[in-house]
Amino acid sequence: MSIPNLDPDLLRAFVVVAERLSFTRAAEQLNRTQAAVSLQVKRLEERIETILFRRSTARVELTAAGEGFLIDARRLVPALDSPR
């Protein structure tokens, strides 16, 4: 999967949701609302044209594509945060 120029905040939100498997707990960690985190993940999915999570009212699970993207995102976030 090619990775377009992405907003580090979208990647960060994705990584935290993936690690917590909860939009609510991710929002608490990121000091944002659950709706804001959900929107960030949705924008990321639209940008890369890939569904990263399977969502239900009771669960959040990574898709196979989400698992693969998590590996890349974990590498990208520190690189995007470092000064150029």
C-alpha atoms as a PDB file:
ATOM      1  CA  MET A   1       0.000   0.000   0.000  1.00  0.00           C
ATOM      2  CA  SER A   2       1.458   3.381  -0.894  1.00  0.00           C
ATOM      3  CA  ILE A   3       1.261   5.986   1.835  1.00  0.00           C
ATOM      4  CA  PRO A   4       0.204   9.470   0.775  1.00  0.00           C
ATOM      5  CA  ASN A   5       1.250  12.592   2.659  1.00  0.00           C
ATOM      6  CA  LEU A   6      -0.636  12.171   5.930  1.00  0.00           C
ATOM      7  CA  ASP A   7      -1.396  14.403   8.880  1.00  0.00           C
ATOM      8  CA  PRO A   8       0.546  13.111  11.914  1.00  0.00           C
ATOM      9  CA  ASP A   9      -2.526  13.730  14.125  1.00  0.00           C
ATOM     10  CA  LEU A  10      -4.553  11.282  12.010  1.00  0.00           C
ATOM     11  CA  LEU A  11      -1.841   8.653  12.301  1.00  0.00           C
ATOM     12  CA  ARG A  12      -1.486   9.240  16.039  1.00  0.00           C
ATOM     13  CA  ALA A  13      -5.241   8.851  16.553  1.00  0.00           C
ATOM     14  CA  PHE A  14      -5.209   5.619  14.545  1.00  0.00           C
ATOM     15  CA  VAL A  15      -2.313   4.165  16.562  1.00  0.00           C
ATOM     16  CA  VAL A  16      -3.934   4.968  19.903  1.00  0.00           C
ATOM     17  CA  VAL A  17      -7.312   3.516  18.862  1.00  0.00           C
ATOM     18  CA  ALA A  18      -5.543   0.404  17.556  1.00  0.00           C
ATOM     19  CA  GLU A  19      -3.611  -0.017  20.789  1.00  0.00           C
ATOM     20  CA  ARG A  20      -6.593   0.627  23.077  1.00  0.00           C
ATOM     21  CA  LEU A  21      -9.221  -1.005  20.789  1.00  0.00           C
ATOM     22  CA  SER A  22     -11.584   1.713  21.944  1.00  0.00           C
ATOM     23  CA  PHE A  23     -12.429   5.104  20.519  1.00  0.00           C
ATOM     24  CA  THR A  24     -13.531   6.266  23.970  1.00  0.00           C
ATOM     25  CA  ARG A  25     -10.298   5.267  25.730  1.00  0.00           C
ATOM     26  CA  ALA A  26      -8.254   6.661  22.840  1.00  0.00           C
ATOM     27  CA  ALA A  27     -10.118   9.970  23.130  1.00  0.00           C
ATOM     28  CA  GLU A  28      -9.329  10.125  26.843  1.00  0.00           C
ATOM     29  CA  GLN A  29      -5.629   9.508  26.165  1.00  0.00           C
ATOM     30  CA  LEU A  30      -5.535  12.088  23.363  1.00  0.00           C
ATOM     31  CA  ASN A  31      -7.584  14.655  25.321  1.00  0.00           C
ATOM     32  CA  ARG A  32     -10.185  14.825  22.576  1.00  0.00           C
ATOM     33  CA  THR A  33     -13.805  13.855  22.290  1.00  0.00           C
ATOM     34  CA  GLN A  34     -14.744  10.397  21.051  1.00  0.00           C
ATOM     35  CA  ALA A  35     -16.435  12.015  18.059  1.00  0.00           C
ATOM     36  CA  ALA A  36     -13.253  13.906  17.143  1.00  0.00           C
ATOM     37  CA  VAL A  37     -11.140  10.739  17.271  1.00  0.00           C
ATOM     38  CA  SER A  38     -13.732   8.835  15.248  1.00  0.00           C
ATOM     39  CA  LEU A  39     -13.707  11.583  12.621  1.00  0.00           C
ATOM     40  CA  GLN A  40      -9.900  11.553  12.464  1.00  0.00           C
ATOM     41  CA  VAL A  41      -9.859   7.806  11.848  1.00  0.00           C
ATOM     42  CA  LYS A  42     -12.594   8.152   9.234  1.00  0.00           C
ATOM     43  CA  ARG A  43     -10.592  10.888   7.463  1.00  0.00           C
ATOM     44  CA  LEU A  44      -7.499   8.675   7.524  1.00  0.00           C
ATOM     45  CA  GLU A  45      -9.467   5.743   6.066  1.00  0.00           C
ATOM     46  CA  GLU A  46     -10.819   7.997   3.319  1.00  0.00           C
ATOM     47  CA  ARG A  47      -7.360   9.388   2.580  1.00  0.00           C
ATOM     48  CA  ILE A  48      -5.759   5.963   2.186  1.00  0.00           C
ATOM     49  CA  GLU A  49      -8.943   4.422   0.731  1.00  0.00           C
ATOM     50  CA  THR A  50      -8.792   1.500   3.156  1.00  0.00           C
ATOM     51  CA  ILE A  51     -11.010   0.339   6.021  1.00  0.00           C
ATOM     52  CA  LEU A  52      -8.769  -0.008   9.079  1.00  0.00           C
ATOM     53  CA  PHE A  53     -11.306  -1.091  11.725  1.00  0.00           C
ATOM     54  CA  ARG A  54     -14.376  -3.279  12.029  1.00  0.00           C
ATOM     55  CA  ARG A  55     -16.703  -1.377  14.339  1.00  0.00           C
ATOM     56  CA  SER A  56     -19.757  -2.399  16.294  1.00  0.00           C
ATOM     57  CA  THR A  57     -21.423  -0.899  19.330  1.00  0.00           C
ATOM     58  CA  ALA A  58     -19.583  -3.414  21.504  1.00  0.00           C
ATOM     59  CA  ARG A  59     -16.204  -3.852  19.780  1.00  0.00           C
ATOM     60  CA  VAL A  60     -13.484  -2.291  17.703  1.00  0.00           C
ATOM     61  CA  GLU A  61     -11.183  -4.645  15.803  1.00  0.00           C
ATOM     62  CA  LEU A  62      -8.417  -4.037  13.311  1.00  0.00           C
ATOM     63  CA  THR A  63      -8.969  -5.343   9.809  1.00  0.00           C
ATOM     64  CA  ALA A  64      -6.109  -7.220   8.153  1.00  0.00           C
ATOM     65  CA  ALA A  65      -5.247  -3.979   6.343  1.00  0.00           C
ATOM     66  CA  GLY A  66      -5.384  -2.146   9.680  1.00  0.00           C
ATOM     67  CA  GLU A  67      -2.926  -4.587  11.239  1.00  0.00           C
ATOM     68  CA  GLY A  68      -0.492  -4.031   8.392  1.00  0.00           C
ATOM     69  CA  PHE A  69      -0.961  -0.270   8.444  1.00  0.00           C
ATOM     70  CA  LEU A  70      -0.347  -0.189  12.217  1.00  0.00           C
ATOM     71  CA  ILE A  71       3.203  -1.423  11.638  1.00  0.00           C
ATOM     72  CA  ASP A  72       3.828   1.437   9.212  1.00  0.00           C
ATOM     73  CA  ALA A  73       2.056   4.026  11.359  1.00  0.00           C
ATOM     74  CA  ARG A  74       4.126   3.155  14.430  1.00  0.00           C
ATOM     75  CA  ARG A  75       7.272   3.818  12.388  1.00  0.00           C
ATOM     76  CA  LEU A  76       5.938   6.984  10.756  1.00  0.00           C
ATOM     77  CA  VAL A  77       4.662   8.877  13.816  1.00  0.00           C
ATOM     78  CA  PRO A  78       8.098   9.350  15.458  1.00  0.00           C
ATOM     79  CA  ALA A  79       9.642  10.251  12.091  1.00  0.00           C
ATOM     80  CA  LEU A  80       6.961  12.876  11.444  1.00  0.00           C
ATOM     81  CA  ASP A  81       7.416  14.307  14.939  1.00  0.00           C
ATOM     82  CA  SER A  82      11.180  14.712  14.632  1.00  0.00           C
ATOM     83  CA  PRO A  83      12.596  18.076  13.528  1.00  0.00           C
ATOM     84  CA  ARG A  84      13.739  18.268   9.922  1.00  0.00           C
END
